[in-house]
């Protein structure tokens, strides 16, 4: 962008409100992301996510762009500070206003008791299983007391999120466990084994759930109940990477979503001491 184009931008009047269909949205409103078909891989990952409008901006041609931060992004505060990697731009037609009663962020909500964390790399074939499950959960009606987040390969973010005192955390990931590809299993890792294993540095560019749990446990010593819903992968793609799930893993996603919902409901009516209760 040259100096003349910067001057055009500086001359633009700030935009606080825009019309989306018959609705008006403004900075701070919650919207659902509906990227145009045929977009890039980031559009695929963000489709269906709930986001908060951080700003409404005009380019030097006068085109409106809606800048959002993802509501469940553990680094959402960085997005509000306009840090790269936590802000995303969409056309006005790619955001769907939420109903008036849900259009402003909820400030008095009770702390979530259950965390559902999607794990995986969408560029490595079936490793994107956890991300896809979270994407489909985003459009389901879910009970209160639940936080759903796509952590991708951000191991440090997940380790810090586990410090928030969740009673139950459900990890969703590709999980090689010797079954037929596409087989989904629910397992409860033995957290006592974490202490017996050597400490491993968490890779900022990958995600090994056990390494993350070990790091999180070393930070405060208590993780609550941990469950893993994992799918046996068929392929992680060639060396150069692969976008999209194999057919058998794709066919297992909806069943995994149902399994997550069932596990969440069980967790929400069960106390830390294992006594089932409805309060």
C-alpha atoms as a PDB file:
ATOM      1  CA  UNK A   1       0.000   0.000   0.000  1.00  0.00           C
ATOM      2  CA  UNK A   2       1.469   3.356  -1.028  1.00  0.00           C
ATOM      3  CA  UNK A   3       1.322   6.705   0.793  1.00  0.00           C
ATOM      4  CA  UNK A   4      -1.641   7.922  -1.264  1.00  0.00           C
ATOM      5  CA  UNK A   5      -3.668   4.838  -0.317  1.00  0.00           C
ATOM      6  CA  UNK A   6      -2.822   5.321   3.372  1.00  0.00           C
ATOM      7  CA  UNK A   7      -4.092   8.898   3.155  1.00  0.00           C
ATOM      8  CA  UNK A   8      -7.355   7.637   1.661  1.00  0.00           C
ATOM      9  CA  UNK A   9      -7.746   5.256   4.583  1.00  0.00           C
ATOM     10  CA  UNK A  10      -7.072   8.003   7.097  1.00  0.00           C
ATOM     11  CA  UNK A  11      -9.755  10.160   5.486  1.00  0.00           C
ATOM     12  CA  UNK A  12     -12.438   7.487   5.900  1.00  0.00           C
ATOM     13  CA  UNK A  13     -15.032   8.137   8.585  1.00  0.00           C
ATOM     14  CA  UNK A  14     -15.159   5.489  11.331  1.00  0.00           C
ATOM     15  CA  UNK A  15     -17.924   2.917  10.893  1.00  0.00           C
ATOM     16  CA  UNK A  16     -19.702   1.678  14.013  1.00  0.00           C
ATOM     17  CA  UNK A  17     -22.778   0.020  12.504  1.00  0.00           C
ATOM     18  CA  UNK A  18     -23.585  -1.809   9.268  1.00  0.00           C
ATOM     19  CA  UNK A  19     -26.648  -3.539   7.860  1.00  0.00           C
ATOM     20  CA  UNK A  20     -26.587  -7.278   7.300  1.00  0.00           C
ATOM     21  CA  UNK A  21     -29.771  -8.208   5.482  1.00  0.00           C
ATOM     22  CA  UNK A  22     -32.565  -6.602   7.493  1.00  0.00           C
ATOM     23  CA  UNK A  23     -30.507  -6.489  10.694  1.00  0.00           C
ATOM     24  CA  UNK A  24     -28.016  -3.944  11.974  1.00  0.00           C
ATOM     25  CA  UNK A  25     -24.855  -5.046  13.741  1.00  0.00           C
ATOM     26  CA  UNK A  26     -22.327  -2.946  15.594  1.00  0.00           C
ATOM     27  CA  UNK A  27     -18.980  -3.284  17.306  1.00  0.00           C
ATOM     28  CA  UNK A  28     -19.275  -5.691  20.242  1.00  0.00           C
ATOM     29  CA  UNK A  29     -22.136  -7.742  18.760  1.00  0.00           C
ATOM     30  CA  UNK A  30     -21.936 -11.532  18.546  1.00  0.00           C
ATOM     31  CA  UNK A  31     -22.288 -13.070  15.093  1.00  0.00           C
ATOM     32  CA  UNK A  32     -22.082 -16.500  13.481  1.00  0.00           C
ATOM     33  CA  UNK A  33     -19.452 -16.845  10.751  1.00  0.00           C
ATOM     34  CA  UNK A  34     -20.735 -18.047   7.368  1.00  0.00           C
ATOM     35  CA  UNK A  35     -17.785 -17.769   4.932  1.00  0.00           C
ATOM     36  CA  UNK A  36     -18.511 -17.931   1.201  1.00  0.00           C
ATOM     37  CA  UNK A  37     -18.034 -21.356  -0.352  1.00  0.00           C
ATOM     38  CA  UNK A  38     -14.757 -21.910  -2.127  1.00  0.00           C
ATOM     39  CA  UNK A  39     -12.738 -19.930   0.423  1.00  0.00           C
ATOM     40  CA  UNK A  40      -9.390 -20.882   1.898  1.00  0.00           C
ATOM     41  CA  UNK A  41      -8.649 -23.413   4.635  1.00  0.00           C
ATOM     42  CA  UNK A  42      -9.073 -20.776   7.339  1.00  0.00           C
ATOM     43  CA  UNK A  43     -12.643 -20.192   6.171  1.00  0.00           C
ATOM     44  CA  UNK A  44     -13.239 -23.932   6.485  1.00  0.00           C
ATOM     45  CA  UNK A  45     -11.898 -23.941  10.047  1.00  0.00           C
ATOM     46  CA  UNK A  46     -13.926 -20.885  11.144  1.00  0.00           C
ATOM     47  CA  UNK A  47     -17.254 -21.740   9.493  1.00  0.00           C
ATOM     48  CA  UNK A  48     -20.022 -21.888  12.094  1.00  0.00           C
ATOM     49  CA  UNK A  49     -17.959 -20.311  14.858  1.00  0.00           C
ATOM     50  CA  UNK A  50     -19.409 -17.597  17.080  1.00  0.00           C
ATOM     51  CA  UNK A  51     -17.401 -14.380  16.980  1.00  0.00           C
ATOM     52  CA  UNK A  52     -17.434 -10.860  18.408  1.00  0.00           C
ATOM     53  CA  UNK A  53     -17.137  -7.832  16.130  1.00  0.00           C
ATOM     54  CA  UNK A  54     -13.941  -6.021  17.117  1.00  0.00           C
ATOM     55  CA  UNK A  55     -14.143  -3.318  14.438  1.00  0.00           C
ATOM     56  CA  UNK A  56     -15.834  -2.407  11.164  1.00  0.00           C
ATOM     57  CA  UNK A  57     -13.364  -1.046   8.640  1.00  0.00           C
ATOM     58  CA  UNK A  58     -13.316   0.430   5.140  1.00  0.00           C
ATOM     59  CA  UNK A  59     -10.561  -0.114   2.618  1.00  0.00           C
ATOM     60  CA  UNK A  60      -9.420   2.642   0.274  1.00  0.00           C
ATOM     61  CA  UNK A  61     -12.070   1.592  -2.282  1.00  0.00           C
ATOM     62  CA  UNK A  62     -14.806   2.039   0.301  1.00  0.00           C
ATOM     63  CA  UNK A  63     -15.492  -1.705   0.743  1.00  0.00           C
ATOM     64  CA  UNK A  64     -16.622  -2.675   4.249  1.00  0.00           C
ATOM     65  CA  UNK A  65     -14.798  -5.387   6.157  1.00  0.00           C
ATOM     66  CA  UNK A  66     -15.970  -6.864   9.459  1.00  0.00           C
ATOM     67  CA  UNK A  67     -13.099  -7.657  11.816  1.00  0.00           C
ATOM     68  CA  UNK A  68     -13.920 -10.290  14.423  1.00  0.00           C
ATOM     69  CA  UNK A  69     -12.322 -12.278  17.208  1.00  0.00           C
ATOM     70  CA  UNK A  70     -13.479 -15.839  17.895  1.00  0.00           C
ATOM     71  CA  UNK A  71     -15.512 -15.983  21.092  1.00  0.00           C
ATOM     72  CA  UNK A  72     -13.938 -19.236  22.313  1.00  0.00           C
ATOM     73  CA  UNK A  73     -10.375 -18.348  21.312  1.00  0.00           C
ATOM     74  CA  UNK A  74      -8.226 -18.614  24.470  1.00  0.00           C
ATOM     75  CA  UNK A  75      -6.243 -15.699  23.011  1.00  0.00           C
ATOM     76  CA  UNK A  76      -9.322 -13.539  22.412  1.00  0.00           C
ATOM     77  CA  UNK A  77      -7.852 -10.737  24.516  1.00  0.00           C
ATOM     78  CA  UNK A  78      -4.917 -10.599  22.108  1.00  0.00           C
ATOM     79  CA  UNK A  79      -7.390 -10.163  19.262  1.00  0.00           C
ATOM     80  CA  UNK A  80      -9.003  -7.247  21.083  1.00  0.00           C
ATOM     81  CA  UNK A  81      -5.497  -5.765  21.307  1.00  0.00           C
ATOM     82  CA  UNK A  82      -5.231  -6.219  17.522  1.00  0.00           C
ATOM     83  CA  UNK A  83      -2.504  -8.830  17.666  1.00  0.00           C
ATOM     84  CA  UNK A  84      -1.982 -10.934  14.496  1.00  0.00           C
ATOM     85  CA  UNK A  85      -3.374 -14.450  14.468  1.00  0.00           C
ATOM     86  CA  UNK A  86      -6.378 -13.655  16.652  1.00  0.00           C
ATOM     87  CA  UNK A  87      -8.294 -11.248  14.355  1.00  0.00           C
ATOM     88  CA  UNK A  88     -10.107 -12.270  11.174  1.00  0.00           C
ATOM     89  CA  UNK A  89     -11.730 -10.235   8.402  1.00  0.00           C
ATOM     90  CA  UNK A  90     -14.988 -11.089   6.640  1.00  0.00           C
ATOM     91  CA  UNK A  91     -17.373  -9.429   4.223  1.00  0.00           C
ATOM     92  CA  UNK A  92     -20.645  -8.215   5.708  1.00  0.00           C
ATOM     93  CA  UNK A  93     -22.470 -11.032   3.862  1.00  0.00           C
ATOM     94  CA  UNK A  94     -20.311 -13.607   5.651  1.00  0.00           C
ATOM     95  CA  UNK A  95     -21.555 -12.813   9.158  1.00  0.00           C
ATOM     96  CA  UNK A  96     -24.934 -13.842  10.500  1.00  0.00           C
ATOM     97  CA  UNK A  97     -26.383 -11.659  13.275  1.00  0.00           C
ATOM     98  CA  UNK A  98     -27.444 -13.589  16.344  1.00  0.00           C
ATOM     99  CA  UNK A  99     -30.936 -13.006  17.821  1.00  0.00           C
ATOM    100  CA  UNK A 100     -31.313  -9.765  19.822  1.00  0.00           C
ATOM    101  CA  UNK A 101     -31.350 -11.594  23.153  1.00  0.00           C
ATOM    102  CA  UNK A 102     -27.960 -13.124  22.306  1.00  0.00           C
ATOM    103  CA  UNK A 103     -26.392 -10.284  20.334  1.00  0.00           C
ATOM    104  CA  UNK A 104     -24.307  -8.860  23.180  1.00  0.00           C
ATOM    105  CA  UNK A 105     -21.672 -10.861  25.045  1.00  0.00           C
ATOM    106  CA  UNK A 106     -22.988 -12.521  28.182  1.00  0.00           C
ATOM    107  CA  UNK A 107     -21.306 -10.891  31.183  1.00  0.00           C
ATOM    108  CA  UNK A 108     -23.064 -12.626  34.061  1.00  0.00           C
ATOM    109  CA  UNK A 109     -22.805 -16.224  32.902  1.00  0.00           C
ATOM    110  CA  UNK A 110     -21.724 -18.796  35.443  1.00  0.00           C
ATOM    111  CA  UNK A 111     -18.227 -20.248  34.984  1.00  0.00           C
ATOM    112  CA  UNK A 112     -18.222 -23.267  32.713  1.00  0.00           C
ATOM    113  CA  UNK A 113     -17.886 -26.617  34.490  1.00  0.00           C
ATOM    114  CA  UNK A 114     -17.020 -28.672  31.407  1.00  0.00           C
ATOM    115  CA  UNK A 115     -14.508 -27.923  28.650  1.00  0.00           C
ATOM    116  CA  UNK A 116     -14.657 -29.672  25.278  1.00  0.00           C
ATOM    117  CA  UNK A 117     -11.334 -29.135  23.513  1.00  0.00           C
ATOM    118  CA  UNK A 118     -10.818 -29.973  19.862  1.00  0.00           C
ATOM    119  CA  UNK A 119      -7.255 -30.938  18.939  1.00  0.00           C
ATOM    120  CA  UNK A 120      -5.668 -31.449  15.552  1.00  0.00           C
ATOM    121  CA  UNK A 121      -4.050 -30.101  12.426  1.00  0.00           C
ATOM    122  CA  UNK A 122      -6.424 -29.698   9.478  1.00  0.00           C
ATOM    123  CA  UNK A 123      -3.468 -29.841   7.084  1.00  0.00           C
ATOM    124  CA  UNK A 124      -2.650 -33.448   8.074  1.00  0.00           C
ATOM    125  CA  UNK A 125      -5.622 -35.446   6.841  1.00  0.00           C
ATOM    126  CA  UNK A 126      -7.406 -37.313   9.626  1.00  0.00           C
ATOM    127  CA  UNK A 127      -5.548 -35.311  12.269  1.00  0.00           C
ATOM    128  CA  UNK A 128      -8.250 -32.708  11.638  1.00  0.00           C
ATOM    129  CA  UNK A 129     -10.889 -34.979  13.217  1.00  0.00           C
ATOM    130  CA  UNK A 130     -11.092 -33.050  16.498  1.00  0.00           C
ATOM    131  CA  UNK A 131     -11.365 -29.717  14.702  1.00  0.00           C
ATOM    132  CA  UNK A 132     -14.251 -30.980  12.557  1.00  0.00           C
ATOM    133  CA  UNK A 133     -16.123 -32.328  15.585  1.00  0.00           C
ATOM    134  CA  UNK A 134     -15.859 -28.923  17.272  1.00  0.00           C
ATOM    135  CA  UNK A 135     -17.049 -27.187  14.107  1.00  0.00           C
ATOM    136  CA  UNK A 136     -20.207 -29.298  14.048  1.00  0.00           C
ATOM    137  CA  UNK A 137     -20.780 -28.852  17.770  1.00  0.00           C
ATOM    138  CA  UNK A 138     -20.809 -25.084  17.166  1.00  0.00           C
ATOM    139  CA  UNK A 139     -24.183 -25.339  15.396  1.00  0.00           C
ATOM    140  CA  UNK A 140     -25.772 -27.687  17.951  1.00  0.00           C
ATOM    141  CA  UNK A 141     -27.911 -26.580  20.885  1.00  0.00           C
ATOM    142  CA  UNK A 142     -25.757 -27.286  23.915  1.00  0.00           C
ATOM    143  CA  UNK A 143     -26.429 -27.192  27.666  1.00  0.00           C
ATOM    144  CA  UNK A 144     -25.262 -24.378  29.917  1.00  0.00           C
ATOM    145  CA  UNK A 145     -22.110 -24.871  31.920  1.00  0.00           C
ATOM    146  CA  UNK A 146     -20.144 -25.903  28.861  1.00  0.00           C
ATOM    147  CA  UNK A 147     -17.304 -24.295  26.945  1.00  0.00           C
ATOM    148  CA  UNK A 148     -16.417 -25.626  23.480  1.00  0.00           C
ATOM    149  CA  UNK A 149     -13.151 -24.533  21.882  1.00  0.00           C
ATOM    150  CA  UNK A 150     -10.975 -25.500  18.921  1.00  0.00           C
ATOM    151  CA  UNK A 151      -7.372 -25.484  20.142  1.00  0.00           C
ATOM    152  CA  UNK A 152      -5.921 -26.888  16.936  1.00  0.00           C
ATOM    153  CA  UNK A 153      -2.210 -27.346  17.618  1.00  0.00           C
ATOM    154  CA  UNK A 154      -1.967 -24.652  20.310  1.00  0.00           C
ATOM    155  CA  UNK A 155      -0.686 -26.792  23.167  1.00  0.00           C
ATOM    156  CA  UNK A 156       0.302 -23.884  25.404  1.00  0.00           C
ATOM    157  CA  UNK A 157      -3.160 -22.332  25.089  1.00  0.00           C
ATOM    158  CA  UNK A 158      -4.800 -25.612  26.123  1.00  0.00           C
ATOM    159  CA  UNK A 159      -2.426 -26.062  29.074  1.00  0.00           C
ATOM    160  CA  UNK A 160      -3.312 -22.601  30.366  1.00  0.00           C
ATOM    161  CA  UNK A 161      -7.042 -23.150  29.728  1.00  0.00           C
ATOM    162  CA  UNK A 162      -6.851 -26.223  31.953  1.00  0.00           C
ATOM    163  CA  UNK A 163      -5.956 -23.914  34.854  1.00  0.00           C
ATOM    164  CA  UNK A 164      -9.500 -22.507  34.888  1.00  0.00           C
ATOM    165  CA  UNK A 165     -10.887 -25.149  37.240  1.00  0.00           C
ATOM    166  CA  UNK A 166     -13.069 -27.262  34.948  1.00  0.00           C
ATOM    167  CA  UNK A 167     -14.632 -30.247  36.666  1.00  0.00           C
ATOM    168  CA  UNK A 168     -14.375 -32.275  33.454  1.00  0.00           C
ATOM    169  CA  UNK A 169     -12.348 -31.760  30.294  1.00  0.00           C
ATOM    170  CA  UNK A 170     -13.197 -33.740  27.154  1.00  0.00           C
ATOM    171  CA  UNK A 171     -10.401 -33.868  24.591  1.00  0.00           C
ATOM    172  CA  UNK A 172     -11.399 -34.710  21.001  1.00  0.00           C
ATOM    173  CA  UNK A 173      -8.573 -35.903  18.776  1.00  0.00           C
ATOM    174  CA  UNK A 174      -7.330 -38.439  16.271  1.00  0.00           C
ATOM    175  CA  UNK A 175      -6.306 -41.381  18.452  1.00  0.00           C
ATOM    176  CA  UNK A 176      -4.380 -44.346  17.007  1.00  0.00           C
ATOM    177  CA  UNK A 177      -5.427 -47.265  19.196  1.00  0.00           C
ATOM    178  CA  UNK A 178      -5.204 -50.299  16.927  1.00  0.00           C
ATOM    179  CA  UNK A 179      -8.837 -50.411  15.822  1.00  0.00           C
ATOM    180  CA  UNK A 180     -10.337 -50.196  12.344  1.00  0.00           C
ATOM    181  CA  UNK A 181     -10.003 -46.705  10.806  1.00  0.00           C
ATOM    182  CA  UNK A 182     -12.988 -44.584  11.759  1.00  0.00           C
ATOM    183  CA  UNK A 183     -13.541 -46.321  15.111  1.00  0.00           C
ATOM    184  CA  UNK A 184     -14.384 -43.787  17.825  1.00  0.00           C
ATOM    185  CA  UNK A 185     -13.575 -44.598  21.447  1.00  0.00           C
ATOM    186  CA  UNK A 186     -14.114 -42.917  24.807  1.00  0.00           C
ATOM    187  CA  UNK A 187     -11.235 -43.432  27.251  1.00  0.00           C
ATOM    188  CA  UNK A 188     -10.179 -41.909  30.557  1.00  0.00           C
ATOM    189  CA  UNK A 189      -6.392 -41.434  30.742  1.00  0.00           C
ATOM    190  CA  UNK A 190      -4.695 -42.414  33.994  1.00  0.00           C
ATOM    191  CA  UNK A 191      -3.425 -39.064  35.275  1.00  0.00           C
ATOM    192  CA  UNK A 192      -1.252 -40.787  37.873  1.00  0.00           C
ATOM    193  CA  UNK A 193       0.888 -42.103  35.028  1.00  0.00           C
ATOM    194  CA  UNK A 194       1.759 -38.537  34.045  1.00  0.00           C
ATOM    195  CA  UNK A 195       3.987 -38.143  37.104  1.00  0.00           C
ATOM    196  CA  UNK A 196       5.945 -41.269  36.223  1.00  0.00           C
ATOM    197  CA  UNK A 197       6.777 -40.082  32.711  1.00  0.00           C
ATOM    198  CA  UNK A 198       9.651 -37.688  31.946  1.00  0.00           C
ATOM    199  CA  UNK A 199       8.755 -34.025  31.494  1.00  0.00           C
ATOM    200  CA  UNK A 200       8.606 -33.065  27.808  1.00  0.00           C
ATOM    201  CA  UNK A 201       8.711 -29.611  26.271  1.00  0.00           C
ATOM    202  CA  UNK A 202       5.405 -28.753  24.621  1.00  0.00           C
ATOM    203  CA  UNK A 203       5.864 -28.139  20.910  1.00  0.00           C
ATOM    204  CA  UNK A 204       4.314 -24.797  19.882  1.00  0.00           C
ATOM    205  CA  UNK A 205       3.699 -26.179  16.380  1.00  0.00           C
ATOM    206  CA  UNK A 206       2.133 -29.528  17.291  1.00  0.00           C
ATOM    207  CA  UNK A 207      -0.131 -31.021  19.932  1.00  0.00           C
ATOM    208  CA  UNK A 208       0.433 -34.172  21.944  1.00  0.00           C
ATOM    209  CA  UNK A 209      -2.408 -34.346  24.506  1.00  0.00           C
ATOM    210  CA  UNK A 210      -0.371 -36.289  27.068  1.00  0.00           C
ATOM    211  CA  UNK A 211       2.467 -33.752  26.943  1.00  0.00           C
ATOM    212  CA  UNK A 212      -0.049 -30.933  27.399  1.00  0.00           C
ATOM    213  CA  UNK A 213      -1.736 -32.682  30.336  1.00  0.00           C
ATOM    214  CA  UNK A 214       1.639 -33.277  31.982  1.00  0.00           C
ATOM    215  CA  UNK A 215       2.525 -29.606  31.617  1.00  0.00           C
ATOM    216  CA  UNK A 216      -0.889 -28.477  32.898  1.00  0.00           C
ATOM    217  CA  UNK A 217      -0.694 -30.787  35.905  1.00  0.00           C
ATOM    218  CA  UNK A 218       2.768 -29.507  36.808  1.00  0.00           C
ATOM    219  CA  UNK A 219       1.347 -25.965  36.885  1.00  0.00           C
ATOM    220  CA  UNK A 220      -1.319 -26.524  39.551  1.00  0.00           C
ATOM    221  CA  UNK A 221      -1.487 -30.231  40.311  1.00  0.00           C
ATOM    222  CA  UNK A 222      -5.234 -30.650  39.683  1.00  0.00           C
ATOM    223  CA  UNK A 223      -6.928 -31.217  36.346  1.00  0.00           C
ATOM    224  CA  UNK A 224     -10.342 -32.543  37.350  1.00  0.00           C
ATOM    225  CA  UNK A 225     -11.655 -35.441  35.293  1.00  0.00           C
ATOM    226  CA  UNK A 226     -10.127 -35.911  31.836  1.00  0.00           C
ATOM    227  CA  UNK A 227     -11.825 -37.854  29.036  1.00  0.00           C
ATOM    228  CA  UNK A 228     -10.554 -38.490  25.520  1.00  0.00           C
ATOM    229  CA  UNK A 229     -12.889 -39.100  22.600  1.00  0.00           C
ATOM    230  CA  UNK A 230     -10.592 -40.325  19.863  1.00  0.00           C
ATOM    231  CA  UNK A 231     -10.965 -41.656  16.349  1.00  0.00           C
ATOM    232  CA  UNK A 232      -8.642 -44.200  14.755  1.00  0.00           C
ATOM    233  CA  UNK A 233      -7.168 -42.359  11.743  1.00  0.00           C
ATOM    234  CA  UNK A 234      -6.721 -43.901   8.327  1.00  0.00           C
ATOM    235  CA  UNK A 235      -4.134 -41.457   7.030  1.00  0.00           C
ATOM    236  CA  UNK A 236      -2.343 -38.259   7.965  1.00  0.00           C
ATOM    237  CA  UNK A 237      -1.711 -37.590   4.292  1.00  0.00           C
ATOM    238  CA  UNK A 238       1.508 -37.442   2.292  1.00  0.00           C
ATOM    239  CA  UNK A 239       4.606 -35.594   3.439  1.00  0.00           C
ATOM    240  CA  UNK A 240       3.404 -32.353   1.867  1.00  0.00           C
ATOM    241  CA  UNK A 241       0.153 -32.526   3.839  1.00  0.00           C
ATOM    242  CA  UNK A 242      -3.483 -33.193   3.002  1.00  0.00           C
ATOM    243  CA  UNK A 243      -6.637 -31.186   3.622  1.00  0.00           C
ATOM    244  CA  UNK A 244      -9.790 -33.120   4.447  1.00  0.00           C
ATOM    245  CA  UNK A 245     -10.702 -36.301   6.296  1.00  0.00           C
ATOM    246  CA  UNK A 246     -10.698 -39.788   4.823  1.00  0.00           C
ATOM    247  CA  UNK A 247     -14.152 -41.186   4.016  1.00  0.00           C
ATOM    248  CA  UNK A 248     -14.300 -43.556   7.004  1.00  0.00           C
ATOM    249  CA  UNK A 249     -13.252 -40.869   9.496  1.00  0.00           C
ATOM    250  CA  UNK A 250     -15.635 -38.338   7.936  1.00  0.00           C
ATOM    251  CA  UNK A 251     -18.450 -40.866   8.382  1.00  0.00           C
ATOM    252  CA  UNK A 252     -17.628 -41.109  12.107  1.00  0.00           C
ATOM    253  CA  UNK A 253     -17.807 -37.397  12.908  1.00  0.00           C
ATOM    254  CA  UNK A 254     -21.551 -37.141  13.587  1.00  0.00           C
ATOM    255  CA  UNK A 255     -21.407 -40.160  15.888  1.00  0.00           C
ATOM    256  CA  UNK A 256     -18.502 -38.545  17.736  1.00  0.00           C
ATOM    257  CA  UNK A 257     -20.538 -35.339  18.127  1.00  0.00           C
ATOM    258  CA  UNK A 258     -23.346 -37.368  19.718  1.00  0.00           C
ATOM    259  CA  UNK A 259     -20.793 -39.072  21.990  1.00  0.00           C
ATOM    260  CA  UNK A 260     -19.458 -35.675  23.108  1.00  0.00           C
ATOM    261  CA  UNK A 261     -22.975 -34.400  23.872  1.00  0.00           C
ATOM    262  CA  UNK A 262     -23.740 -37.529  25.899  1.00  0.00           C
ATOM    263  CA  UNK A 263     -20.465 -37.255  27.845  1.00  0.00           C
ATOM    264  CA  UNK A 264     -21.149 -33.581  28.546  1.00  0.00           C
ATOM    265  CA  UNK A 265     -24.621 -34.277  29.895  1.00  0.00           C
ATOM    266  CA  UNK A 266     -23.272 -37.013  32.139  1.00  0.00           C
ATOM    267  CA  UNK A 267     -20.519 -34.709  33.410  1.00  0.00           C
ATOM    268  CA  UNK A 268     -22.931 -31.876  34.168  1.00  0.00           C
ATOM    269  CA  UNK A 269     -25.061 -34.049  36.445  1.00  0.00           C
ATOM    270  CA  UNK A 270     -22.121 -35.691  38.194  1.00  0.00           C
ATOM    271  CA  UNK A 271     -20.070 -34.068  40.913  1.00  0.00           C
ATOM    272  CA  UNK A 272     -16.323 -34.355  41.322  1.00  0.00           C
ATOM    273  CA  UNK A 273     -16.885 -37.036  43.927  1.00  0.00           C
ATOM    274  CA  UNK A 274     -18.717 -39.216  41.395  1.00  0.00           C
ATOM    275  CA  UNK A 275     -22.137 -38.690  43.012  1.00  0.00           C
ATOM    276  CA  UNK A 276     -24.747 -37.908  40.398  1.00  0.00           C
ATOM    277  CA  UNK A 277     -26.643 -34.737  41.162  1.00  0.00           C
ATOM    278  CA  UNK A 278     -28.783 -32.281  39.242  1.00  0.00           C
ATOM    279  CA  UNK A 279     -27.799 -29.021  40.948  1.00  0.00           C
END
